[in-house]
Amino acid sequence: MSKNYSVPEILSQAAPLVKKTETRWPELGALLWELHQKVTPGEFQRLAKELGMGQRMAYYLVSIHECFTRRLKRPIPEDIPWRTLCEVTDILTWDNAERLLAFCRAHSREQVLAALKTKTLRK
């Protein structure tokens, strides 16, 4: 994204997406990432709340966006729910991305969490 939008422009684009988070989360994550780059952490939390989002959800979407666009430099897998992706973003690397993403596609979030607890996915 990084089109150098102002904070009010980001907020006006993000507001309608909040109600469509389940389907428009990659776009919302990109906007939130840009917002996160422009404001202080406290301001980000306040603005997320103004948008009607929980602070944790906002940070999860930023984390997913950053993981794929900045760290892995690959497209965000929109076919995997954001709630599932946020569980694996910290351990995703170039070496394990295909295996972990395939696991996420084939299993529920609860199954992914269980596998993380048993360290099955961390190998």
Protein backbone atom coordinates (compact mmCIF):
# COMPACT_ATOMS: atom_id res chain seq x y z
CA MET A 1 0.00 0.00 0.00
CA SER A 2 2.26 2.84 1.26
CA LYS A 3 0.65 5.56 -0.81
CA ASN A 4 1.50 8.16 1.81
CA TYR A 5 -2.09 8.77 2.90
CA SER A 6 -2.74 11.21 5.70
CA VAL A 7 -4.12 9.90 8.98
CA PRO A 8 -7.65 11.22 8.20
CA GLU A 9 -7.54 9.55 4.76
CA ILE A 10 -6.47 6.25 6.32
CA LEU A 11 -9.25 6.44 8.89
CA SER A 12 -11.90 7.26 6.28
CA GLN A 13 -10.83 4.27 4.18
CA ALA A 14 -10.53 1.92 7.16
CA ALA A 15 -13.86 2.77 8.82
CA PRO A 16 -16.13 0.93 6.34
CA LEU A 17 -13.76 -2.07 6.26
CA VAL A 18 -14.05 -2.66 10.00
CA LYS A 19 -17.61 -3.93 9.51
CA LYS A 20 -16.33 -6.29 6.79
CA THR A 21 -13.28 -7.58 8.63
CA GLU A 22 -13.94 -11.24 7.88
CA THR A 23 -13.68 -10.66 4.12
CA ARG A 24 -11.67 -7.43 3.79
CA TRP A 25 -9.06 -8.02 6.49
CA PRO A 26 -5.99 -7.90 4.20
CA GLU A 27 -6.96 -4.42 2.99
CA LEU A 28 -7.79 -3.31 6.52
CA GLY A 29 -4.46 -4.69 7.75
CA ALA A 30 -2.59 -2.67 5.12
CA LEU A 31 -4.35 0.52 6.19
CA LEU A 32 -3.74 -0.18 9.86
CA TRP A 33 -0.07 -0.91 9.16
CA GLU A 34 0.26 2.47 7.46
CA LEU A 35 -1.56 4.16 10.35
CA HIS A 36 0.73 2.38 12.82
CA GLN A 37 3.75 3.85 11.01
CA LYS A 38 2.42 7.41 11.27
CA VAL A 39 1.27 7.70 14.88
CA THR A 40 2.46 6.86 18.37
CA PRO A 41 1.43 3.55 19.96
CA GLY A 42 -1.00 5.33 22.27
CA GLU A 43 -2.54 7.22 19.36
CA PHE A 44 -2.82 3.99 17.37
CA GLN A 45 -4.71 2.33 20.22
CA ARG A 46 -7.04 5.30 20.53
CA LEU A 47 -7.71 5.45 16.79
CA ALA A 48 -8.35 1.69 16.61
CA LYS A 49 -10.90 2.11 19.37
CA GLU A 50 -12.49 5.03 17.50
CA LEU A 51 -12.79 2.77 14.46
CA GLY A 52 -14.68 0.29 16.62
CA MET A 53 -11.90 -2.28 16.75
CA GLY A 54 -10.28 -3.98 19.64
CA GLN A 55 -6.66 -3.06 20.19
CA ARG A 56 -5.57 -6.70 19.97
CA MET A 57 -7.34 -7.23 16.65
CA ALA A 58 -5.73 -4.10 15.19
CA TYR A 59 -2.27 -5.25 16.23
CA TYR A 60 -2.90 -8.77 14.87
CA LEU A 61 -3.84 -7.37 11.45
CA VAL A 62 -0.75 -5.13 11.47
CA SER A 63 1.40 -8.12 12.44
CA ILE A 64 0.02 -10.29 9.61
CA HIS A 65 0.53 -7.50 7.08
CA GLU A 66 4.08 -6.89 8.26
CA CYS A 67 4.93 -10.60 8.30
CA PHE A 68 3.94 -11.19 4.69
CA THR A 69 4.72 -7.88 2.99
CA ARG A 70 7.85 -6.88 4.87
CA ARG A 71 9.47 -10.01 6.29
CA LEU A 72 8.49 -12.78 3.85
CA LYS A 73 7.84 -10.51 0.86
CA ARG A 74 5.05 -12.72 -0.43
CA PRO A 75 1.32 -12.28 -0.97
CA ILE A 76 -0.95 -12.52 2.04
CA PRO A 77 -2.87 -15.81 1.84
CA GLU A 78 -6.41 -14.48 1.87
CA ASP A 79 -7.86 -18.00 1.92
CA ILE A 80 -6.68 -18.50 5.52
CA PRO A 81 -8.70 -16.67 8.19
CA TRP A 82 -6.81 -13.86 9.91
CA ARG A 83 -7.53 -15.41 13.31
CA THR A 84 -5.58 -18.47 12.23
CA LEU A 85 -2.74 -16.56 10.57
CA CYS A 86 -2.12 -14.40 13.61
CA GLU A 87 -1.24 -17.55 15.55
CA VAL A 88 1.68 -18.44 13.26
CA THR A 89 3.10 -15.09 12.11
CA ASP A 90 5.80 -15.13 14.78
CA ILE A 91 7.21 -18.47 13.59
CA LEU A 92 6.76 -18.12 9.82
CA THR A 93 10.00 -18.08 7.85
CA TRP A 94 10.93 -18.62 4.20
CA ASP A 95 11.96 -22.17 5.09
CA ASN A 96 8.73 -23.22 6.81
CA ALA A 97 6.09 -20.97 5.21
CA GLU A 98 4.76 -23.50 2.68
CA ARG A 99 4.42 -26.23 5.32
CA LEU A 100 2.83 -23.98 7.96
CA LEU A 101 0.43 -22.32 5.53
CA ALA A 102 -0.66 -25.70 4.15
CA PHE A 103 -1.30 -26.84 7.74
CA CYS A 104 -3.34 -23.68 8.41
CA ARG A 105 -5.40 -24.26 5.27
CA ALA A 106 -6.17 -27.85 6.27
CA HIS A 107 -6.95 -27.30 9.95
CA SER A 108 -9.12 -25.15 12.17
CA ARG A 109 -7.67 -22.41 14.32
CA GLU A 110 -8.16 -24.63 17.38
CA GLN A 111 -6.16 -27.42 15.73
CA VAL A 112 -3.40 -24.97 14.82
CA LEU A 113 -3.29 -23.75 18.43
CA ALA A 114 -3.12 -27.34 19.70
CA ALA A 115 -0.26 -28.12 17.30
CA LEU A 116 1.59 -25.00 18.47
CA LYS A 117 1.23 -26.08 22.11
CA THR A 118 2.70 -29.50 21.34
CA LYS A 119 5.38 -27.79 19.25
CA THR A 120 4.40 -29.92 16.22
CA LEU A 121 4.47 -26.86 13.96
CA ARG A 122 7.73 -25.49 15.31
CA LYS A 123 9.85 -28.37 13.94
